[in-house]
Amino acid sequence: MTIAGRDFAVRTLLLLLLLTPLWAQAAELSVKPLRALVSFPAFRASATANPLYETQLAFAVDGHIARMQARVGETVEQGQTLAQLDDREYRIGLDQAKAQLALVRSQITLAESQLAQSESLAKQKFVSPDALKIKRTELAVRRAERDAARQAVAAAELDLERALLRAPFRAVVQARQASVGDYVSAGEVVFALAAVAEPEIRAGIPVQQVPGLKAAEQWTLAAAGMEIPLKLLRVSAVVDTTGQTQEAVFAPLRQMPIGLAGEVRWQGNRALLPPGYVQRREGRYGVFVMDGKAPVFRELPDAQAGRPAMVPASWPLDLPVVDEGRYQIGLEKAGDAVDAGSSQ
């Protein structure tokens, strides 16, 4: 072999040795669909199950308590009598109002009879027009007195009704602050009640997490070893100035005890890519994906070094992401290609 022939063979061998790593690298690249790599962040916030209604009951009239018919911890039905005052004074007042109404009605009957007689005499010119006018006025006054007496009867009946304390809804007695024989004034609290209807679950959500909370598909209350599915009812538009949170209110989708405390949990709807797949090229962070047979660098606009990257919502979950061999890819080996639409 001539010297020139040997030199050509050496150069050819060296070129083949240089190209071999690139061929090997291309053969070693593997891909995984995006859905196999991403995770969806989980969020949680402290929450409590609060009664839908809570009330403090008091008599609207004064008096001595004659009966107490509910104890702490008992469940009472709507309209059930819880306590009763000594109502003798109010019964007397009602009887007086009814007697006054009966008296006025008798006076009206007499006034109507006198007016009829005066009208008959007026036709015969035995009664003057002024006297007739007086009789008519007296009848109108009696009728007005009758209306006032009716209102007095209604007020007395209402006072008698107010001597009974009834439950406004189905509830549990949480506290009892008076006893039989006590004198209570109008407005003085006697019972504290909490509704046993479906509770509301309330949680303080950090402001920055509220959009993700609203976009989530499922919410769960984890409390006392139970997992209770929830329905989001509303989120307050007012931000708590101390904790910078907004109150979210949920309804349970199955029965649960009132007063439980735990955590509301939900998953975000934006996928996160592990930091090991995020690479930096020319000052930009992104990930290599396969476009046909060539890897292409697709930018992640919100990515940071060493942290999971938020995947744009427009990326399909079947996007082929380069897995094995991704660290050996350089822009020059990927055809110097960068996906310009990656940040859409």
C-alpha atoms as a PDB file:
ATOM      1  CA  MET A   1       0.000   0.000   0.000  1.00  0.00           C
ATOM      2  CA  THR A   2       1.340   3.392  -0.872  1.00  0.00           C
ATOM      3  CA  ILE A   3       1.895   6.140   1.687  1.00  0.00           C
ATOM      4  CA  ALA A   4      -1.016   8.144   0.250  1.00  0.00           C
ATOM      5  CA  GLY A   5      -3.287   5.098   0.545  1.00  0.00           C
ATOM      6  CA  ARG A   6      -2.317   4.566   4.170  1.00  0.00           C
ATOM      7  CA  ASP A   7      -2.997   8.245   5.005  1.00  0.00           C
ATOM      8  CA  PHE A   8      -6.473   8.052   3.448  1.00  0.00           C
ATOM      9  CA  ALA A   9      -7.311   4.896   5.384  1.00  0.00           C
ATOM     10  CA  VAL A  10      -6.173   6.487   8.681  1.00  0.00           C
ATOM     11  CA  ARG A  11      -8.240   9.636   8.056  1.00  0.00           C
ATOM     12  CA  THR A  12     -11.305   7.516   7.222  1.00  0.00           C
ATOM     13  CA  LEU A  13     -10.869   5.466  10.418  1.00  0.00           C
ATOM     14  CA  LEU A  14     -10.495   8.576  12.569  1.00  0.00           C
ATOM     15  CA  LEU A  15     -13.648  10.099  11.033  1.00  0.00           C
ATOM     16  CA  LEU A  16     -15.598   6.920  11.746  1.00  0.00           C
ATOM     17  CA  LEU A  17     -14.378   6.913  15.367  1.00  0.00           C
ATOM     18  CA  LEU A  18     -15.516  10.525  15.813  1.00  0.00           C
ATOM     19  CA  LEU A  19     -18.974   9.888  14.367  1.00  0.00           C
ATOM     20  CA  THR A  20     -19.579   6.659  16.312  1.00  0.00           C
ATOM     21  CA  PRO A  21     -20.553   8.411  19.641  1.00  0.00           C
ATOM     22  CA  LEU A  22     -23.149  10.463  17.763  1.00  0.00           C
ATOM     23  CA  TRP A  23     -24.666   7.363  16.186  1.00  0.00           C
ATOM     24  CA  ALA A  24     -24.618   5.592  19.537  1.00  0.00           C
ATOM     25  CA  GLN A  25     -26.218   8.614  21.221  1.00  0.00           C
ATOM     26  CA  ALA A  26     -28.987   8.761  18.629  1.00  0.00           C
ATOM     27  CA  ALA A  27     -29.620   5.073  19.134  1.00  0.00           C
ATOM     28  CA  GLU A  28     -29.680   5.447  22.976  1.00  0.00           C
ATOM     29  CA  LEU A  29     -32.343   8.201  23.106  1.00  0.00           C
ATOM     30  CA  SER A  30     -35.653   7.026  24.553  1.00  0.00           C
ATOM     31  CA  VAL A  31     -38.897   8.890  25.099  1.00  0.00           C
ATOM     32  CA  LYS A  32     -41.813   8.796  27.517  1.00  0.00           C
ATOM     33  CA  PRO A  33     -45.210  10.428  27.162  1.00  0.00           C
ATOM     34  CA  LEU A  34     -45.600  13.583  29.190  1.00  0.00           C
ATOM     35  CA  ARG A  35     -48.389  12.037  31.294  1.00  0.00           C
ATOM     36  CA  ALA A  36     -45.942   9.392  32.580  1.00  0.00           C
ATOM     37  CA  LEU A  37     -43.588  12.053  33.929  1.00  0.00           C
ATOM     38  CA  VAL A  38     -45.757  14.815  35.360  1.00  0.00           C
ATOM     39  CA  SER A  39     -47.519  15.033  38.689  1.00  0.00           C
ATOM     40  CA  PHE A  40     -50.350  17.231  39.872  1.00  0.00           C
ATOM     41  CA  PRO A  41     -49.624  19.178  43.074  1.00  0.00           C
ATOM     42  CA  ALA A  42     -51.753  18.456  46.121  1.00  0.00           C
ATOM     43  CA  PHE A  43     -52.999  21.310  48.306  1.00  0.00           C
ATOM     44  CA  ARG A  44     -54.553  21.379  51.746  1.00  0.00           C
ATOM     45  CA  ALA A  45     -56.042  23.896  54.157  1.00  0.00           C
ATOM     46  CA  SER A  46     -57.363  23.664  57.704  1.00  0.00           C
ATOM     47  CA  ALA A  47     -61.145  23.417  57.860  1.00  0.00           C
ATOM     48  CA  THR A  48     -64.018  22.937  60.301  1.00  0.00           C
ATOM     49  CA  ALA A  49     -67.576  21.667  59.898  1.00  0.00           C
ATOM     50  CA  ASN A  50     -69.834  24.425  61.199  1.00  0.00           C
ATOM     51  CA  PRO A  51     -73.595  24.287  61.848  1.00  0.00           C
ATOM     52  CA  LEU A  52     -75.657  25.883  59.131  1.00  0.00           C
ATOM     53  CA  TYR A  53     -77.546  27.839  61.816  1.00  0.00           C
ATOM     54  CA  GLU A  54     -76.660  28.747  65.392  1.00  0.00           C
ATOM     55  CA  THR A  55     -78.886  30.778  67.658  1.00  0.00           C
ATOM     56  CA  GLN A  56     -79.268  32.034  71.204  1.00  0.00           C
ATOM     57  CA  LEU A  57     -82.891  31.871  72.330  1.00  0.00           C
ATOM     58  CA  ALA A  58     -84.501  34.308  74.755  1.00  0.00           C
ATOM     59  CA  PHE A  59     -88.043  35.147  75.842  1.00  0.00           C
ATOM     60  CA  ALA A  60     -89.502  38.308  74.340  1.00  0.00           C
ATOM     61  CA  VAL A  61     -91.362  39.034  77.608  1.00  0.00           C
ATOM     62  CA  ASP A  62     -90.429  39.069  81.297  1.00  0.00           C
ATOM     63  CA  GLY A  63     -91.418  36.462  83.845  1.00  0.00           C
ATOM     64  CA  HIS A  64     -90.558  33.534  86.083  1.00  0.00           C
ATOM     65  CA  ILE A  65     -89.675  30.262  84.354  1.00  0.00           C
ATOM     66  CA  ALA A  66     -92.325  27.662  85.157  1.00  0.00           C
ATOM     67  CA  ARG A  67     -91.057  24.756  83.012  1.00  0.00           C
ATOM     68  CA  MET A  68     -87.846  23.712  81.266  1.00  0.00           C
ATOM     69  CA  GLN A  69     -88.344  20.921  78.754  1.00  0.00           C
ATOM     70  CA  ALA A  70     -84.959  20.544  77.068  1.00  0.00           C
ATOM     71  CA  ARG A  71     -81.539  19.529  78.332  1.00  0.00           C
ATOM     72  CA  VAL A  72     -78.024  20.077  77.032  1.00  0.00           C
ATOM     73  CA  GLY A  73     -77.149  17.564  74.317  1.00  0.00           C
ATOM     74  CA  GLU A  74     -80.741  16.740  73.397  1.00  0.00           C
ATOM     75  CA  THR A  75     -81.995  17.019  69.846  1.00  0.00           C
ATOM     76  CA  VAL A  76     -85.140  19.118  69.576  1.00  0.00           C
ATOM     77  CA  GLU A  77     -87.532  19.381  66.655  1.00  0.00           C
ATOM     78  CA  GLN A  78     -88.691  22.557  64.941  1.00  0.00           C
ATOM     79  CA  GLY A  79     -91.572  24.111  66.891  1.00  0.00           C
ATOM     80  CA  GLN A  80     -90.954  22.027  70.013  1.00  0.00           C
ATOM     81  CA  THR A  81     -91.539  23.877  73.315  1.00  0.00           C
ATOM     82  CA  LEU A  82     -88.279  24.284  75.235  1.00  0.00           C
ATOM     83  CA  ALA A  83     -89.410  26.404  78.191  1.00  0.00           C
ATOM     84  CA  GLN A  84     -92.479  28.201  79.530  1.00  0.00           C
ATOM     85  CA  LEU A  85     -92.970  31.226  81.757  1.00  0.00           C
ATOM     86  CA  ASP A  86     -95.600  31.608  84.452  1.00  0.00           C
ATOM     87  CA  ASP A  87     -98.197  33.098  82.113  1.00  0.00           C
ATOM     88  CA  ARG A  88    -101.000  33.984  84.551  1.00  0.00           C
ATOM     89  CA  GLU A  89    -100.308  37.692  84.196  1.00  0.00           C
ATOM     90  CA  TYR A  90    -100.513  37.465  80.414  1.00  0.00           C
ATOM     91  CA  ARG A  91    -103.732  35.440  80.538  1.00  0.00           C
ATOM     92  CA  ILE A  92    -105.285  38.125  82.734  1.00  0.00           C
ATOM     93  CA  GLY A  93    -104.146  40.753  80.239  1.00  0.00           C
ATOM     94  CA  LEU A  94    -105.757  38.792  77.409  1.00  0.00           C
ATOM     95  CA  ASP A  95    -109.030  38.434  79.306  1.00  0.00           C
ATOM     96  CA  GLN A  96    -109.064  42.187  79.991  1.00  0.00           C
ATOM     97  CA  ALA A  97    -108.468  42.975  76.319  1.00  0.00           C
ATOM     98  CA  LYS A  98    -111.277  40.642  75.270  1.00  0.00           C
ATOM     99  CA  ALA A  99    -113.645  42.192  77.837  1.00  0.00           C
ATOM    100  CA  GLN A 100    -112.831  45.661  76.541  1.00  0.00           C
ATOM    101  CA  LEU A 101    -113.513  44.521  72.979  1.00  0.00           C
ATOM    102  CA  ALA A 102    -116.883  43.089  74.034  1.00  0.00           C
ATOM    103  CA  LEU A 103    -117.750  46.378  75.783  1.00  0.00           C
ATOM    104  CA  VAL A 104    -116.936  48.426  72.696  1.00  0.00           C
ATOM    105  CA  ARG A 105    -118.997  46.129  70.508  1.00  0.00           C
ATOM    106  CA  SER A 106    -121.996  46.662  72.829  1.00  0.00           C
ATOM    107  CA  GLN A 107    -121.461  50.415  72.647  1.00  0.00           C
ATOM    108  CA  ILE A 108    -121.381  50.184  68.844  1.00  0.00           C
ATOM    109  CA  THR A 109    -124.699  48.301  68.872  1.00  0.00           C
ATOM    110  CA  LEU A 110    -126.230  51.023  71.054  1.00  0.00           C
ATOM    111  CA  ALA A 111    -124.743  53.800  68.905  1.00  0.00           C
ATOM    112  CA  GLU A 112    -126.086  52.193  65.720  1.00  0.00           C
ATOM    113  CA  SER A 113    -129.559  51.956  67.281  1.00  0.00           C
ATOM    114  CA  GLN A 114    -129.481  55.603  68.424  1.00  0.00           C
ATOM    115  CA  LEU A 115    -128.292  56.739  64.989  1.00  0.00           C
ATOM    116  CA  ALA A 116    -131.112  54.846  63.279  1.00  0.00           C
ATOM    117  CA  GLN A 117    -133.651  56.456  65.619  1.00  0.00           C
ATOM    118  CA  SER A 118    -132.183  59.918  65.057  1.00  0.00           C
ATOM    119  CA  GLU A 119    -132.252  59.467  61.280  1.00  0.00           C
ATOM    120  CA  SER A 120    -135.938  58.506  61.489  1.00  0.00           C
ATOM    121  CA  LEU A 121    -136.737  61.562  63.614  1.00  0.00           C
ATOM    122  CA  ALA A 122    -134.699  63.808  61.343  1.00  0.00           C
ATOM    123  CA  LYS A 123    -136.991  62.897  58.464  1.00  0.00           C
ATOM    124  CA  GLN A 124    -139.867  64.227  60.545  1.00  0.00           C
ATOM    125  CA  LYS A 125    -137.908  67.368  61.425  1.00  0.00           C
ATOM    126  CA  PHE A 126    -137.753  66.412  65.138  1.00  0.00           C
ATOM    127  CA  VAL A 127    -133.934  66.205  65.141  1.00  0.00           C
ATOM    128  CA  SER A 128    -131.650  68.881  63.791  1.00  0.00           C
ATOM    129  CA  PRO A 129    -128.941  68.149  61.251  1.00  0.00           C
ATOM    130  CA  ASP A 130    -126.251  68.983  63.842  1.00  0.00           C
ATOM    131  CA  ALA A 131    -127.660  66.484  66.329  1.00  0.00           C
ATOM    132  CA  LEU A 132    -127.725  63.830  63.604  1.00  0.00           C
ATOM    133  CA  LYS A 133    -124.120  64.612  62.760  1.00  0.00           C
ATOM    134  CA  ILE A 134    -123.141  64.125  66.411  1.00  0.00           C
ATOM    135  CA  LYS A 135    -124.751  60.664  66.476  1.00  0.00           C
ATOM    136  CA  ARG A 136    -122.860  59.645  63.356  1.00  0.00           C
ATOM    137  CA  THR A 137    -119.607  60.885  64.851  1.00  0.00           C
ATOM    138  CA  GLU A 138    -120.234  58.926  68.058  1.00  0.00           C
ATOM    139  CA  LEU A 139    -120.715  55.745  66.017  1.00  0.00           C
ATOM    140  CA  ALA A 140    -117.477  56.359  64.079  1.00  0.00           C
ATOM    141  CA  VAL A 141    -115.609  56.863  67.371  1.00  0.00           C
ATOM    142  CA  ARG A 142    -116.973  53.598  68.775  1.00  0.00           C
ATOM    143  CA  ARG A 143    -115.918  51.738  65.645  1.00  0.00           C
ATOM    144  CA  ALA A 144    -112.412  53.173  65.947  1.00  0.00           C
ATOM    145  CA  GLU A 145    -112.368  52.064  69.590  1.00  0.00           C
ATOM    146  CA  ARG A 146    -113.379  48.596  68.424  1.00  0.00           C
ATOM    147  CA  ASP A 147    -110.407  48.472  66.028  1.00  0.00           C
ATOM    148  CA  ALA A 148    -108.074  49.527  68.836  1.00  0.00           C
ATOM    149  CA  ALA A 149    -109.574  46.902  71.138  1.00  0.00           C
ATOM    150  CA  ARG A 150    -108.980  44.222  68.490  1.00  0.00           C
ATOM    151  CA  GLN A 151    -105.348  45.224  68.298  1.00  0.00           C
ATOM    152  CA  ALA A 152    -105.114  45.077  72.089  1.00  0.00           C
ATOM    153  CA  VAL A 153    -106.475  41.520  72.019  1.00  0.00           C
ATOM    154  CA  ALA A 154    -103.932  40.567  69.338  1.00  0.00           C
ATOM    155  CA  ALA A 155    -101.099  42.087  71.406  1.00  0.00           C
ATOM    156  CA  ALA A 156    -102.234  40.221  74.523  1.00  0.00           C
ATOM    157  CA  GLU A 157    -102.417  36.951  72.573  1.00  0.00           C
ATOM    158  CA  LEU A 158     -98.914  37.578  71.257  1.00  0.00           C
ATOM    159  CA  ASP A 159     -97.572  38.221  74.773  1.00  0.00           C
ATOM    160  CA  LEU A 160     -99.175  34.985  75.928  1.00  0.00           C
ATOM    161  CA  GLU A 161     -97.608  33.141  72.984  1.00  0.00           C
ATOM    162  CA  ARG A 162     -94.240  34.662  73.850  1.00  0.00           C
ATOM    163  CA  ALA A 163     -94.403  33.074  77.267  1.00  0.00           C
ATOM    164  CA  LEU A 164     -93.497  29.861  75.405  1.00  0.00           C
ATOM    165  CA  LEU A 165     -89.975  29.368  74.004  1.00  0.00           C
ATOM    166  CA  ARG A 166     -89.948  27.132  70.927  1.00  0.00           C
ATOM    167  CA  ALA A 167     -87.157  25.734  68.762  1.00  0.00           C
ATOM    168  CA  PRO A 168     -86.914  27.625  65.438  1.00  0.00           C
ATOM    169  CA  PHE A 169     -85.400  24.590  63.656  1.00  0.00           C
ATOM    170  CA  ARG A 170     -84.252  21.036  64.333  1.00  0.00           C
ATOM    171  CA  ALA A 171     -81.239  21.485  66.542  1.00  0.00           C
ATOM    172  CA  VAL A 172     -79.048  20.259  69.369  1.00  0.00           C
ATOM    173  CA  VAL A 173     -79.152  22.104  72.704  1.00  0.00           C
ATOM    174  CA  GLN A 174     -75.602  23.352  73.246  1.00  0.00           C
ATOM    175  CA  ALA A 175     -76.171  25.349  76.442  1.00  0.00           C
ATOM    176  CA  ARG A 176     -78.903  26.123  78.971  1.00  0.00           C
ATOM    177  CA  GLN A 177     -78.363  29.283  80.967  1.00  0.00           C
ATOM    178  CA  ALA A 178     -81.442  29.417  83.239  1.00  0.00           C
ATOM    179  CA  SER A 179     -83.509  27.098  85.392  1.00  0.00           C
ATOM    180  CA  VAL A 180     -87.027  26.673  86.735  1.00  0.00           C
ATOM    181  CA  GLY A 181     -87.942  29.506  89.099  1.00  0.00           C
ATOM    182  CA  ASP A 182     -85.485  32.010  87.638  1.00  0.00           C
ATOM    183  CA  TYR A 183     -86.834  35.418  86.717  1.00  0.00           C
ATOM    184  CA  VAL A 184     -85.697  36.333  83.222  1.00  0.00           C
ATOM    185  CA  SER A 185     -85.988  39.641  81.440  1.00  0.00           C
ATOM    186  CA  ALA A 186     -86.921  39.978  77.789  1.00  0.00           C
ATOM    187  CA  GLY A 187     -83.857  39.286  75.668  1.00  0.00           C
ATOM    188  CA  GLU A 188     -81.958  37.376  78.359  1.00  0.00           C
ATOM    189  CA  VAL A 189     -80.427  34.233  76.773  1.00  0.00           C
ATOM    190  CA  VAL A 190     -81.915  30.951  77.993  1.00  0.00           C
ATOM    191  CA  PHE A 191     -80.762  28.398  75.381  1.00  0.00           C
ATOM    192  CA  ALA A 192     -78.020  28.111  72.769  1.00  0.00           C
ATOM    193  CA  LEU A 193     -78.873  25.880  69.803  1.00  0.00           C
ATOM    194  CA  ALA A 194     -76.979  24.516  66.806  1.00  0.00           C
ATOM    195  CA  ALA A 195     -78.795  23.157  63.758  1.00  0.00           C
ATOM    196  CA  VAL A 196     -78.361  19.472  62.987  1.00  0.00           C
ATOM    197  CA  ALA A 197     -79.040  19.993  59.288  1.00  0.00           C
ATOM    198  CA  GLU A 198     -76.265  19.603  56.714  1.00  0.00           C
ATOM    199  CA  PRO A 199     -73.213  21.509  58.011  1.00  0.00           C
ATOM    200  CA  GLU A 200     -71.020  23.924  56.100  1.00  0.00           C
ATOM    201  CA  ILE A 201     -67.297  23.224  55.859  1.00  0.00           C
ATOM    202  CA  ARG A 202     -65.282  26.433  55.957  1.00  0.00           C
ATOM    203  CA  ALA A 203     -61.598  26.805  55.173  1.00  0.00           C
ATOM    204  CA  GLY A 204     -59.228  29.741  54.799  1.00  0.00           C
ATOM    205  CA  ILE A 205     -57.517  29.478  51.397  1.00  0.00           C
ATOM    206  CA  PRO A 206     -54.366  31.502  50.604  1.00  0.00           C
ATOM    207  CA  VAL A 207     -55.143  34.058  47.926  1.00  0.00           C
ATOM    208  CA  GLN A 208     -52.693  32.622  45.410  1.00  0.00           C
ATOM    209  CA  GLN A 209     -54.301  29.170  45.679  1.00  0.00           C
ATOM    210  CA  VAL A 210     -57.903  30.302  45.130  1.00  0.00           C
ATOM    211  CA  PRO A 211     -57.845  30.020  41.283  1.00  0.00           C
ATOM    212  CA  GLY A 212     -56.565  26.452  41.532  1.00  0.00           C
ATOM    213  CA  LEU A 213     -59.163  25.617  44.167  1.00  0.00           C
ATOM    214  CA  LYS A 214     -61.975  26.807  41.889  1.00  0.00           C
ATOM    215  CA  ALA A 215     -60.552  24.914  38.918  1.00  0.00           C
ATOM    216  CA  ALA A 216     -60.156  21.626  40.809  1.00  0.00           C
ATOM    217  CA  GLU A 217     -62.533  18.782  40.048  1.00  0.00           C
ATOM    218  CA  GLN A 218     -62.647  17.145  43.492  1.00  0.00           C
ATOM    219  CA  TRP A 219     -62.417  18.334  47.084  1.00  0.00           C
ATOM    220  CA  THR A 220     -62.197  16.155  50.193  1.00  0.00           C
ATOM    221  CA  LEU A 221     -62.379  16.760  53.933  1.00  0.00           C
ATOM    222  CA  ALA A 222     -59.925  14.594  55.856  1.00  0.00           C
ATOM    223  CA  ALA A 223     -60.970  14.490  59.514  1.00  0.00           C
ATOM    224  CA  ALA A 224     -61.080  11.908  62.313  1.00  0.00           C
ATOM    225  CA  GLY A 225     -59.860   9.186  59.990  1.00  0.00           C
ATOM    226  CA  MET A 226     -62.629   9.866  57.463  1.00  0.00           C
ATOM    227  CA  GLU A 227     -62.456  11.025  53.859  1.00  0.00           C
ATOM    228  CA  ILE A 228     -65.610  12.997  53.076  1.00  0.00           C
ATOM    229  CA  PRO A 229     -66.234  14.223  49.497  1.00  0.00           C
ATOM    230  CA  LEU A 230     -67.240  17.869  49.243  1.00  0.00           C
ATOM    231  CA  LYS A 231     -68.943  20.271  46.882  1.00  0.00           C
ATOM    232  CA  LEU A 232     -67.614  23.813  46.580  1.00  0.00           C
ATOM    233  CA  LEU A 233     -70.436  26.278  47.264  1.00  0.00           C
ATOM    234  CA  ARG A 234     -68.751  29.667  47.207  1.00  0.00           C
ATOM    235  CA  VAL A 235     -65.545  31.589  47.884  1.00  0.00           C
ATOM    236  CA  SER A 236     -65.717  34.884  49.708  1.00  0.00           C
ATOM    237  CA  ALA A 237     -64.577  37.896  47.702  1.00  0.00           C
ATOM    238  CA  VAL A 238     -63.187  39.484  50.883  1.00  0.00           C
ATOM    239  CA  VAL A 239     -59.547  38.792  51.787  1.00  0.00           C
ATOM    240  CA  ASP A 240     -58.662  38.396  55.461  1.00  0.00           C
ATOM    241  CA  THR A 241     -56.135  41.129  56.173  1.00  0.00           C
ATOM    242  CA  THR A 242     -54.228  39.090  58.768  1.00  0.00           C
ATOM    243  CA  GLY A 243     -53.766  35.757  57.027  1.00  0.00           C
ATOM    244  CA  GLN A 244     -54.280  36.920  53.419  1.00  0.00           C
ATOM    245  CA  THR A 245     -56.812  34.167  52.908  1.00  0.00           C
ATOM    246  CA  GLN A 246     -60.293  33.917  51.425  1.00  0.00           C
ATOM    247  CA  GLU A 247     -62.972  31.806  53.064  1.00  0.00           C
ATOM    248  CA  ALA A 248     -64.177  28.868  50.992  1.00  0.00           C
ATOM    249  CA  VAL A 249     -67.452  27.182  51.921  1.00  0.00           C
ATOM    250  CA  PHE A 250     -68.191  23.559  51.035  1.00  0.00           C
ATOM    251  CA  ALA A 251     -71.130  21.178  51.470  1.00  0.00           C
ATOM    252  CA  PRO A 252     -70.514  17.509  52.357  1.00  0.00           C
ATOM    253  CA  LEU A 253     -71.767  14.942  49.866  1.00  0.00           C
ATOM    254  CA  ARG A 254     -72.621  12.450  52.629  1.00  0.00           C
ATOM    255  CA  GLN A 255     -73.655  12.638  56.249  1.00  0.00           C
ATOM    256  CA  MET A 256     -71.038  13.665  58.774  1.00  0.00           C
ATOM    257  CA  PRO A 257     -70.828  14.917  62.368  1.00  0.00           C
ATOM    258  CA  ILE A 258     -70.973  18.649  62.981  1.00  0.00           C
ATOM    259  CA  GLY A 259     -67.931  20.240  64.577  1.00  0.00           C
ATOM    260  CA  LEU A 260     -65.261  18.054  62.978  1.00  0.00           C
ATOM    261  CA  ALA A 261     -61.944  19.755  62.313  1.00  0.00           C
ATOM    262  CA  GLY A 262     -59.517  18.590  59.664  1.00  0.00           C
ATOM    263  CA  GLU A 263     -58.141  19.503  56.249  1.00  0.00           C
ATOM    264  CA  VAL A 264     -59.737  20.270  52.929  1.00  0.00           C
ATOM    265  CA  ARG A 265     -57.637  18.630  50.221  1.00  0.00           C
ATOM    266  CA  TRP A 266     -57.627  19.068  46.456  1.00  0.00           C
ATOM    267  CA  GLN A 267     -55.315  18.590  43.491  1.00  0.00           C
ATOM    268  CA  GLY A 268     -54.188  21.345  41.182  1.00  0.00           C
ATOM    269  CA  ASN A 269     -55.074  21.090  37.498  1.00  0.00           C
ATOM    270  CA  ARG A 270     -51.660  22.256  36.227  1.00  0.00           C
ATOM    271  CA  ALA A 271     -49.090  19.494  35.680  1.00  0.00           C
ATOM    272  CA  LEU A 272     -45.589  19.697  37.157  1.00  0.00           C
ATOM    273  CA  LEU A 273     -42.519  18.254  35.399  1.00  0.00           C
ATOM    274  CA  PRO A 274     -39.740  16.895  37.677  1.00  0.00           C
ATOM    275  CA  PRO A 275     -36.674  19.176  37.839  1.00  0.00           C
ATOM    276  CA  GLY A 276     -34.440  16.430  36.426  1.00  0.00           C
ATOM    277  CA  TYR A 277     -36.048  16.870  33.000  1.00  0.00           C
ATOM    278  CA  VAL A 278     -35.602  20.639  32.914  1.00  0.00           C
ATOM    279  CA  GLN A 279     -32.449  21.779  31.087  1.00  0.00           C
ATOM    280  CA  ARG A 280     -30.955  25.129  30.274  1.00  0.00           C
ATOM    281  CA  ARG A 281     -30.027  26.077  26.764  1.00  0.00           C
ATOM    282  CA  GLU A 282     -28.865  29.565  25.754  1.00  0.00           C
ATOM    283  CA  GLY A 283     -30.209  31.082  28.969  1.00  0.00           C
ATOM    284  CA  ARG A 284     -33.642  29.475  28.669  1.00  0.00           C
ATOM    285  CA  TYR A 285     -35.148  26.573  30.573  1.00  0.00           C
ATOM    286  CA  GLY A 286     -37.024  23.835  28.793  1.00  0.00           C
ATOM    287  CA  VAL A 287     -37.220  20.168  27.916  1.00  0.00           C
ATOM    288  CA  PHE A 288     -36.274  18.058  24.891  1.00  0.00           C
ATOM    289  CA  VAL A 289     -39.134  16.443  22.990  1.00  0.00           C
ATOM    290  CA  MET A 290     -39.034  14.278  19.905  1.00  0.00           C
ATOM    291  CA  ASP A 291     -40.207  15.868  16.686  1.00  0.00           C
ATOM    292  CA  GLY A 292     -40.181  12.993  14.227  1.00  0.00           C
ATOM    293  CA  LYS A 293     -36.756  11.424  14.702  1.00  0.00           C
ATOM    294  CA  ALA A 294     -34.967  14.522  16.019  1.00  0.00           C
ATOM    295  CA  PRO A 295     -35.025  15.958  19.540  1.00  0.00           C
ATOM    296  CA  VAL A 296     -36.299  19.532  19.776  1.00  0.00           C
ATOM    297  CA  PHE A 297     -35.827  21.891  22.711  1.00  0.00           C
ATOM    298  CA  ARG A 298     -39.204  23.200  23.922  1.00  0.00           C
ATOM    299  CA  GLU A 299     -39.096  26.119  26.305  1.00  0.00           C
ATOM    300  CA  LEU A 300     -40.823  26.183  29.739  1.00  0.00           C
ATOM    301  CA  PRO A 301     -41.379  29.888  30.356  1.00  0.00           C
ATOM    302  CA  ASP A 302     -41.935  29.697  34.148  1.00  0.00           C
ATOM    303  CA  ALA A 303     -39.269  27.106  34.956  1.00  0.00           C
ATOM    304  CA  GLN A 304     -36.549  27.611  37.568  1.00  0.00           C
ATOM    305  CA  ALA A 305     -33.381  25.676  38.217  1.00  0.00           C
ATOM    306  CA  GLY A 306     -33.787  22.740  40.595  1.00  0.00           C
ATOM    307  CA  ARG A 307     -37.558  23.112  40.950  1.00  0.00           C
ATOM    308  CA  PRO A 308     -40.498  21.298  39.334  1.00  0.00           C
ATOM    309  CA  ALA A 309     -41.648  23.198  36.261  1.00  0.00           C
ATOM    310  CA  MET A 310     -45.243  24.149  35.528  1.00  0.00           C
ATOM    311  CA  VAL A 311     -46.234  22.636  32.188  1.00  0.00           C
ATOM    312  CA  PRO A 312     -48.238  24.971  29.925  1.00  0.00           C
ATOM    313  CA  ALA A 313     -51.872  23.952  29.699  1.00  0.00           C
ATOM    314  CA  SER A 314     -51.632  23.758  25.898  1.00  0.00           C
ATOM    315  CA  TRP A 315     -49.125  20.894  25.969  1.00  0.00           C
ATOM    316  CA  PRO A 316     -50.761  17.519  25.163  1.00  0.00           C
ATOM    317  CA  LEU A 317     -50.213  14.778  27.733  1.00  0.00           C
ATOM    318  CA  ASP A 318     -49.072  12.373  25.001  1.00  0.00           C
ATOM    319  CA  LEU A 319     -46.182  14.682  24.043  1.00  0.00           C
ATOM    320  CA  PRO A 320     -43.027  12.466  23.650  1.00  0.00           C
ATOM    321  CA  VAL A 321     -40.409  13.741  26.094  1.00  0.00           C
ATOM    322  CA  VAL A 322     -36.792  12.601  25.763  1.00  0.00           C
ATOM    323  CA  ASP A 323     -35.899  10.424  28.742  1.00  0.00           C
ATOM    324  CA  GLU A 324     -32.671   8.466  28.529  1.00  0.00           C
ATOM    325  CA  GLY A 325     -29.847  10.340  26.847  1.00  0.00           C
ATOM    326  CA  ARG A 326     -31.377  13.780  27.422  1.00  0.00           C
ATOM    327  CA  TYR A 327     -28.265  15.147  29.153  1.00  0.00           C
ATOM    328  CA  GLN A 328     -26.025  14.353  26.163  1.00  0.00           C
ATOM    329  CA  ILE A 329     -28.131  16.342  23.727  1.00  0.00           C
ATOM    330  CA  GLY A 330     -26.690  19.661  22.636  1.00  0.00           C
ATOM    331  CA  LEU A 331     -28.347  22.217  20.433  1.00  0.00           C
ATOM    332  CA  GLU A 332     -25.973  21.341  17.652  1.00  0.00           C
ATOM    333  CA  LYS A 333     -26.939  17.663  17.903  1.00  0.00           C
ATOM    334  CA  ALA A 334     -30.650  18.546  17.921  1.00  0.00           C
ATOM    335  CA  GLY A 335     -30.304  20.356  14.663  1.00  0.00           C
ATOM    336  CA  ASP A 336     -29.986  23.678  16.560  1.00  0.00           C
ATOM    337  CA  ALA A 337     -33.796  23.558  16.716  1.00  0.00           C
ATOM    338  CA  VAL A 338     -35.862  25.332  19.347  1.00  0.00           C
ATOM    339  CA  ASP A 339     -39.642  25.055  19.323  1.00  0.00           C
ATOM    340  CA  ALA A 340     -40.749  28.635  18.910  1.00  0.00           C
ATOM    341  CA  GLY A 341     -44.330  27.804  19.889  1.00  0.00           C
ATOM    342  CA  SER A 342     -43.382  26.059  23.114  1.00  0.00           C
ATOM    343  CA  SER A 343     -44.586  28.842  25.362  1.00  0.00           C
ATOM    344  CA  GLN A 344     -48.036  29.113  23.831  1.00  0.00           C
END
